[in-house]
Amino acid sequence: MSRDAGETLAAWQAALAELEAAAGIAPVAARDAVANSRATDGRPVAASPAPPVRWSPPAGLGPLPRSLAGRAARLLAAQRDAIVRVDEARRAVLGHLGAVRSVEESRGPSRSVYLDVTG
C-alpha cells in the first residue's frame, strides 16, 4: 500500500468514525470495548451517549477505499432508518397537533362550574 493509499484509508476511517458517532452507531470493536469495560469494583461501566455535534463534510478524502465499502453501506442504511423514524415521529406529532387544534377553545363559564359542599 502506498503512502497516499494509507493516508486515504486513515482519512476515510476517521470520517466514517465521526459519522458513526453522530449517528449513534459504533464499529464492532468500539462496542466490544465499551461492553467489556469495568469499573474499579468490577461492575460493568454504562456507556453514556455522546452529545450531538455539528458535522461538516471533510474535504480531500479521495475515493472510498473498497475495504470500507461495507462500513459505509451500513452507515447509509442506519441513516436511512433514522430518516424513516424521524418522519414517522413527525407524522404522529402532526396528528396529535391536529387533534388538539380540533378541540374548541374553552371559554369562560357564564356561571360557577364547581359547587363547594363542605363550606
N, C-alpha and C. Protein backbone atom coordinates (compact mmCIF):
# COMPACT_ATOMS: atom_id res chain seq x y z
N MET A 1 0.86 -1.17 0.00
CA MET A 1 0.00 0.00 0.00
C MET A 1 0.90 1.23 0.00
N SER A 2 0.65 2.13 -0.91
CA SER A 2 1.47 3.33 -0.99
C SER A 2 1.09 4.28 0.14
N ARG A 3 1.94 5.26 0.34
CA ARG A 3 1.70 6.23 1.41
C ARG A 3 0.38 6.96 1.18
N ASP A 4 0.09 7.34 -0.05
CA ASP A 4 -1.16 8.03 -0.36
C ASP A 4 -2.38 7.16 -0.06
N ALA A 5 -2.30 5.88 -0.41
CA ALA A 5 -3.42 4.98 -0.16
C ALA A 5 -3.62 4.81 1.35
N GLY A 6 -2.53 4.73 2.10
CA GLY A 6 -2.62 4.61 3.56
C GLY A 6 -3.22 5.85 4.19
N GLU A 7 -2.84 7.00 3.69
CA GLU A 7 -3.40 8.26 4.21
C GLU A 7 -4.88 8.38 3.85
N THR A 8 -5.23 7.95 2.64
CA THR A 8 -6.64 7.98 2.22
C THR A 8 -7.47 7.06 3.10
N LEU A 9 -6.96 5.86 3.36
CA LEU A 9 -7.66 4.90 4.21
C LEU A 9 -7.86 5.49 5.61
N ALA A 10 -6.82 6.06 6.17
CA ALA A 10 -6.92 6.64 7.52
C ALA A 10 -7.90 7.80 7.55
N ALA A 11 -7.90 8.64 6.52
CA ALA A 11 -8.82 9.77 6.47
C ALA A 11 -10.27 9.29 6.39
N TRP A 12 -10.51 8.26 5.57
CA TRP A 12 -11.87 7.72 5.45
C TRP A 12 -12.30 7.04 6.74
N GLN A 13 -11.39 6.33 7.39
CA GLN A 13 -11.73 5.67 8.66
C GLN A 13 -12.13 6.72 9.69
N ALA A 14 -11.41 7.82 9.75
CA ALA A 14 -11.74 8.89 10.69
C ALA A 14 -13.08 9.52 10.35
N ALA A 15 -13.32 9.76 9.06
CA ALA A 15 -14.58 10.37 8.64
C ALA A 15 -15.76 9.45 8.95
N LEU A 16 -15.61 8.16 8.69
CA LEU A 16 -16.69 7.21 8.98
C LEU A 16 -16.92 7.09 10.48
N ALA A 17 -15.84 7.10 11.26
CA ALA A 17 -15.98 7.03 12.72
C ALA A 17 -16.75 8.24 13.24
N GLU A 18 -16.48 9.40 12.69
CA GLU A 18 -17.18 10.62 13.09
C GLU A 18 -18.67 10.52 12.75
N LEU A 19 -18.98 10.02 11.55
CA LEU A 19 -20.38 9.87 11.15
C LEU A 19 -21.08 8.82 12.00
N GLU A 20 -20.39 7.73 12.30
CA GLU A 20 -20.97 6.68 13.14
C GLU A 20 -21.27 7.21 14.54
N ALA A 21 -20.36 8.01 15.06
CA ALA A 21 -20.59 8.60 16.39
C ALA A 21 -21.81 9.53 16.36
N ALA A 22 -21.91 10.33 15.31
CA ALA A 22 -23.05 11.25 15.19
C ALA A 22 -24.35 10.49 15.00
N ALA A 23 -24.30 9.34 14.34
CA ALA A 23 -25.50 8.54 14.10
C ALA A 23 -25.84 7.64 15.28
N GLY A 24 -24.95 7.58 16.27
CA GLY A 24 -25.20 6.75 17.43
C GLY A 24 -24.88 5.29 17.22
N ILE A 25 -24.12 4.99 16.20
CA ILE A 25 -23.66 3.61 15.99
C ILE A 25 -22.15 3.60 16.07
N ALA A 26 -21.61 2.48 16.41
CA ALA A 26 -20.16 2.38 16.54
C ALA A 26 -19.69 1.09 15.91
N PRO A 27 -18.46 1.06 15.44
CA PRO A 27 -17.92 -0.20 14.91
C PRO A 27 -17.93 -1.28 15.99
N VAL A 28 -17.91 -2.53 15.58
CA VAL A 28 -17.97 -3.67 16.50
C VAL A 28 -16.87 -3.57 17.55
N ALA A 29 -15.66 -3.22 17.17
CA ALA A 29 -14.55 -3.14 18.12
C ALA A 29 -14.83 -2.12 19.22
N ALA A 30 -15.42 -0.98 18.86
CA ALA A 30 -15.73 0.04 19.86
C ALA A 30 -16.84 -0.43 20.78
N ARG A 31 -17.87 -1.10 20.22
CA ARG A 31 -18.95 -1.63 21.07
C ARG A 31 -18.41 -2.67 22.03
N ASP A 32 -17.53 -3.53 21.53
CA ASP A 32 -16.95 -4.56 22.39
C ASP A 32 -16.12 -3.95 23.51
N ALA A 33 -15.38 -2.90 23.21
CA ALA A 33 -14.55 -2.25 24.23
C ALA A 33 -15.42 -1.66 25.32
N VAL A 34 -16.54 -1.05 24.94
CA VAL A 34 -17.46 -0.49 25.94
C VAL A 34 -18.11 -1.61 26.74
N ALA A 35 -18.54 -2.66 26.06
CA ALA A 35 -19.21 -3.76 26.74
C ALA A 35 -18.28 -4.46 27.73
N ASN A 36 -17.01 -4.50 27.44
CA ASN A 36 -16.06 -5.20 28.30
C ASN A 36 -15.41 -4.31 29.34
N SER A 37 -15.72 -3.01 29.33
CA SER A 37 -15.10 -2.12 30.31
C SER A 37 -15.73 -2.34 31.68
N ARG A 38 -14.91 -2.22 32.71
CA ARG A 38 -15.36 -2.46 34.08
C ARG A 38 -14.91 -1.32 34.98
N ALA A 39 -15.72 -1.01 35.97
CA ALA A 39 -15.33 -0.03 36.97
C ALA A 39 -14.31 -0.68 37.90
N THR A 40 -13.73 0.11 38.79
CA THR A 40 -12.71 -0.43 39.70
C THR A 40 -13.25 -1.51 40.61
N ASP A 41 -14.56 -1.51 40.85
CA ASP A 41 -15.15 -2.55 41.70
C ASP A 41 -15.62 -3.77 40.90
N GLY A 42 -15.33 -3.80 39.58
CA GLY A 42 -15.65 -4.95 38.75
C GLY A 42 -16.99 -4.89 38.06
N ARG A 43 -17.81 -3.89 38.39
CA ARG A 43 -19.12 -3.77 37.73
C ARG A 43 -18.95 -3.20 36.33
N PRO A 44 -19.84 -3.58 35.41
CA PRO A 44 -19.77 -3.01 34.06
C PRO A 44 -20.00 -1.50 34.10
N VAL A 45 -19.34 -0.78 33.22
CA VAL A 45 -19.50 0.66 33.12
C VAL A 45 -20.52 0.94 32.03
N ALA A 46 -21.53 1.73 32.36
CA ALA A 46 -22.56 2.08 31.37
C ALA A 46 -22.00 3.12 30.42
N ALA A 47 -22.25 2.93 29.15
CA ALA A 47 -21.81 3.90 28.15
C ALA A 47 -22.76 5.07 28.15
N SER A 48 -22.22 6.28 28.10
CA SER A 48 -23.07 7.46 28.03
C SER A 48 -23.10 7.93 26.58
N PRO A 49 -24.27 8.36 26.12
CA PRO A 49 -24.37 8.80 24.73
C PRO A 49 -23.55 10.07 24.51
N ALA A 50 -22.95 10.15 23.35
CA ALA A 50 -22.17 11.34 23.01
C ALA A 50 -23.13 12.48 22.69
N PRO A 51 -22.77 13.68 23.11
CA PRO A 51 -23.64 14.81 22.77
C PRO A 51 -23.63 15.05 21.26
N PRO A 52 -24.73 15.55 20.71
CA PRO A 52 -24.76 15.79 19.27
C PRO A 52 -23.73 16.85 18.88
N VAL A 53 -23.13 16.63 17.74
CA VAL A 53 -22.13 17.58 17.24
C VAL A 53 -22.54 18.02 15.84
N ARG A 54 -22.18 19.24 15.50
CA ARG A 54 -22.46 19.75 14.15
C ARG A 54 -21.41 19.15 13.23
N TRP A 55 -21.87 18.52 12.17
CA TRP A 55 -20.97 17.85 11.24
C TRP A 55 -20.79 18.69 10.00
N SER A 56 -19.58 18.74 9.53
CA SER A 56 -19.32 19.36 8.24
C SER A 56 -18.52 18.37 7.40
N PRO A 57 -18.81 18.28 6.11
CA PRO A 57 -18.15 17.27 5.29
C PRO A 57 -16.65 17.52 5.19
N PRO A 58 -15.87 16.46 5.34
CA PRO A 58 -14.42 16.61 5.19
C PRO A 58 -14.05 16.86 3.74
N ALA A 59 -12.97 17.55 3.54
CA ALA A 59 -12.51 17.85 2.18
C ALA A 59 -11.31 16.99 1.85
N GLY A 60 -11.17 16.65 0.59
CA GLY A 60 -9.98 15.97 0.11
C GLY A 60 -9.81 14.54 0.55
N LEU A 61 -10.90 13.80 0.73
CA LEU A 61 -10.77 12.41 1.15
C LEU A 61 -10.30 11.49 0.03
N GLY A 62 -10.62 11.84 -1.18
CA GLY A 62 -10.32 10.93 -2.28
C GLY A 62 -11.40 9.87 -2.37
N PRO A 63 -11.23 8.90 -3.27
CA PRO A 63 -12.25 7.86 -3.43
C PRO A 63 -12.32 6.94 -2.22
N LEU A 64 -13.51 6.43 -1.96
CA LEU A 64 -13.71 5.50 -0.85
C LEU A 64 -12.94 4.21 -1.11
N PRO A 65 -12.07 3.78 -0.19
CA PRO A 65 -11.37 2.50 -0.37
C PRO A 65 -12.37 1.34 -0.34
N ARG A 66 -12.13 0.35 -1.19
CA ARG A 66 -13.04 -0.80 -1.27
C ARG A 66 -13.21 -1.48 0.08
N SER A 67 -12.17 -1.50 0.88
CA SER A 67 -12.24 -2.19 2.17
C SER A 67 -13.23 -1.53 3.13
N LEU A 68 -13.61 -0.30 2.86
CA LEU A 68 -14.55 0.41 3.73
C LEU A 68 -15.96 0.50 3.15
N ALA A 69 -16.18 -0.11 1.99
CA ALA A 69 -17.48 -0.02 1.33
C ALA A 69 -18.60 -0.60 2.19
N GLY A 70 -18.37 -1.73 2.82
CA GLY A 70 -19.40 -2.34 3.68
C GLY A 70 -19.74 -1.46 4.87
N ARG A 71 -18.72 -0.89 5.46
CA ARG A 71 -18.93 0.01 6.61
C ARG A 71 -19.73 1.24 6.19
N ALA A 72 -19.39 1.81 5.05
CA ALA A 72 -20.12 2.98 4.54
C ALA A 72 -21.57 2.61 4.22
N ALA A 73 -21.79 1.42 3.66
CA ALA A 73 -23.15 0.98 3.34
C ALA A 73 -23.98 0.79 4.60
N ARG A 74 -23.37 0.22 5.67
CA ARG A 74 -24.09 0.06 6.94
C ARG A 74 -24.45 1.42 7.53
N LEU A 75 -23.54 2.36 7.42
CA LEU A 75 -23.80 3.71 7.91
C LEU A 75 -24.95 4.35 7.13
N LEU A 76 -24.94 4.21 5.82
CA LEU A 76 -26.01 4.75 4.99
C LEU A 76 -27.35 4.13 5.37
N ALA A 77 -27.37 2.82 5.59
CA ALA A 77 -28.61 2.14 5.99
C ALA A 77 -29.11 2.67 7.34
N ALA A 78 -28.20 2.88 8.28
CA ALA A 78 -28.58 3.42 9.59
C ALA A 78 -29.15 4.83 9.45
N GLN A 79 -28.56 5.63 8.58
CA GLN A 79 -29.07 6.98 8.36
C GLN A 79 -30.44 6.95 7.71
N ARG A 80 -30.64 6.05 6.77
CA ARG A 80 -31.96 5.94 6.13
C ARG A 80 -33.02 5.48 7.13
N ASP A 81 -32.65 4.53 8.01
CA ASP A 81 -33.58 4.10 9.06
C ASP A 81 -33.94 5.26 9.98
N ALA A 82 -32.95 6.09 10.31
CA ALA A 82 -33.20 7.24 11.18
C ALA A 82 -34.15 8.22 10.50
N ILE A 83 -33.99 8.42 9.21
CA ILE A 83 -34.88 9.32 8.46
C ILE A 83 -36.31 8.80 8.53
N VAL A 84 -36.49 7.49 8.38
CA VAL A 84 -37.83 6.90 8.44
C VAL A 84 -38.43 7.11 9.82
N ARG A 85 -37.63 6.86 10.90
CA ARG A 85 -38.14 7.03 12.26
C ARG A 85 -38.51 8.49 12.54
N VAL A 86 -37.69 9.42 12.08
CA VAL A 86 -37.99 10.84 12.29
C VAL A 86 -39.27 11.22 11.55
N ASP A 87 -39.43 10.72 10.33
CA ASP A 87 -40.64 11.04 9.56
C ASP A 87 -41.88 10.45 10.24
N GLU A 88 -41.78 9.22 10.76
CA GLU A 88 -42.91 8.62 11.47
C GLU A 88 -43.26 9.44 12.71
N ALA A 89 -42.26 9.88 13.44
CA ALA A 89 -42.49 10.69 14.64
C ALA A 89 -43.11 12.03 14.26
N ARG A 90 -42.64 12.62 13.18
CA ARG A 90 -43.18 13.89 12.71
C ARG A 90 -44.66 13.74 12.36
N ARG A 91 -44.99 12.67 11.66
CA ARG A 91 -46.39 12.43 11.29
C ARG A 91 -47.27 12.23 12.53
N ALA A 92 -46.75 11.51 13.52
CA ALA A 92 -47.51 11.30 14.76
C ALA A 92 -47.75 12.63 15.48
N VAL A 93 -46.73 13.46 15.54
CA VAL A 93 -46.88 14.75 16.19
C VAL A 93 -47.89 15.61 15.44
N LEU A 94 -47.83 15.60 14.11
CA LEU A 94 -48.80 16.36 13.33
C LEU A 94 -50.22 15.87 13.58
N GLY A 95 -50.39 14.57 13.71
CA GLY A 95 -51.71 14.01 14.02
C GLY A 95 -52.20 14.46 15.39
N HIS A 96 -51.31 14.43 16.37
CA HIS A 96 -51.69 14.88 17.71
C HIS A 96 -52.00 16.37 17.71
N LEU A 97 -51.19 17.13 17.01
CA LEU A 97 -51.42 18.57 16.93
C LEU A 97 -52.76 18.87 16.27
N GLY A 98 -53.09 18.12 15.23
CA GLY A 98 -54.38 18.30 14.57
C GLY A 98 -55.53 17.99 15.52
N ALA A 99 -55.37 16.95 16.34
CA ALA A 99 -56.42 16.61 17.31
C ALA A 99 -56.57 17.71 18.35
N VAL A 100 -55.47 18.24 18.82
CA VAL A 100 -55.52 19.31 19.81
C VAL A 100 -56.17 20.55 19.22
N ARG A 101 -55.83 20.87 17.99
CA ARG A 101 -56.39 22.06 17.35
C ARG A 101 -57.88 21.91 17.05
N SER A 102 -58.35 20.68 16.93
CA SER A 102 -59.77 20.48 16.62
C SER A 102 -60.67 20.67 17.84
N VAL A 103 -60.09 20.64 19.02
CA VAL A 103 -60.88 20.86 20.23
C VAL A 103 -61.16 22.35 20.36
N GLU A 104 -62.41 22.67 20.53
CA GLU A 104 -62.80 24.08 20.63
C GLU A 104 -62.14 24.70 21.85
N GLU A 105 -61.65 25.89 21.66
CA GLU A 105 -61.01 26.61 22.76
C GLU A 105 -62.05 26.87 23.84
N SER A 106 -61.66 26.61 25.08
CA SER A 106 -62.63 26.81 26.16
C SER A 106 -62.87 28.30 26.38
N ARG A 107 -64.07 28.59 26.78
CA ARG A 107 -64.45 29.97 27.08
C ARG A 107 -64.77 30.04 28.57
N GLY A 108 -64.70 31.22 29.08
CA GLY A 108 -65.05 31.40 30.49
C GLY A 108 -66.50 31.00 30.73
N PRO A 109 -66.79 30.24 31.77
CA PRO A 109 -68.17 29.82 32.02
C PRO A 109 -69.03 31.02 32.43
N SER A 110 -70.31 30.96 32.08
CA SER A 110 -71.23 32.05 32.43
C SER A 110 -71.69 31.92 33.88
N ARG A 111 -71.50 30.75 34.47
CA ARG A 111 -71.85 30.56 35.88
C ARG A 111 -70.83 29.61 36.51
N SER A 112 -70.93 29.42 37.78
CA SER A 112 -69.97 28.58 38.51
C SER A 112 -69.98 27.17 37.99
N VAL A 113 -68.81 26.61 37.95
CA VAL A 113 -68.67 25.24 37.49
C VAL A 113 -68.58 24.31 38.70
N TYR A 114 -68.01 24.79 39.80
CA TYR A 114 -67.79 23.96 40.97
C TYR A 114 -68.77 24.35 42.08
N LEU A 115 -69.14 23.39 42.87
CA LEU A 115 -70.05 23.60 43.99
C LEU A 115 -69.29 23.24 45.26
N ASP A 116 -69.18 24.17 46.18
CA ASP A 116 -68.50 23.93 47.45
C ASP A 116 -69.51 23.36 48.44
N VAL A 117 -69.44 22.05 48.68
CA VAL A 117 -70.40 21.40 49.56
C VAL A 117 -69.91 21.31 51.00
N THR A 118 -68.64 21.60 51.25
CA THR A 118 -68.13 21.49 52.61
C THR A 118 -68.17 22.81 53.37
N GLY A 119 -68.30 23.92 52.72
CA GLY A 119 -68.14 25.19 53.41
C GLY A 119 -69.35 25.97 53.41
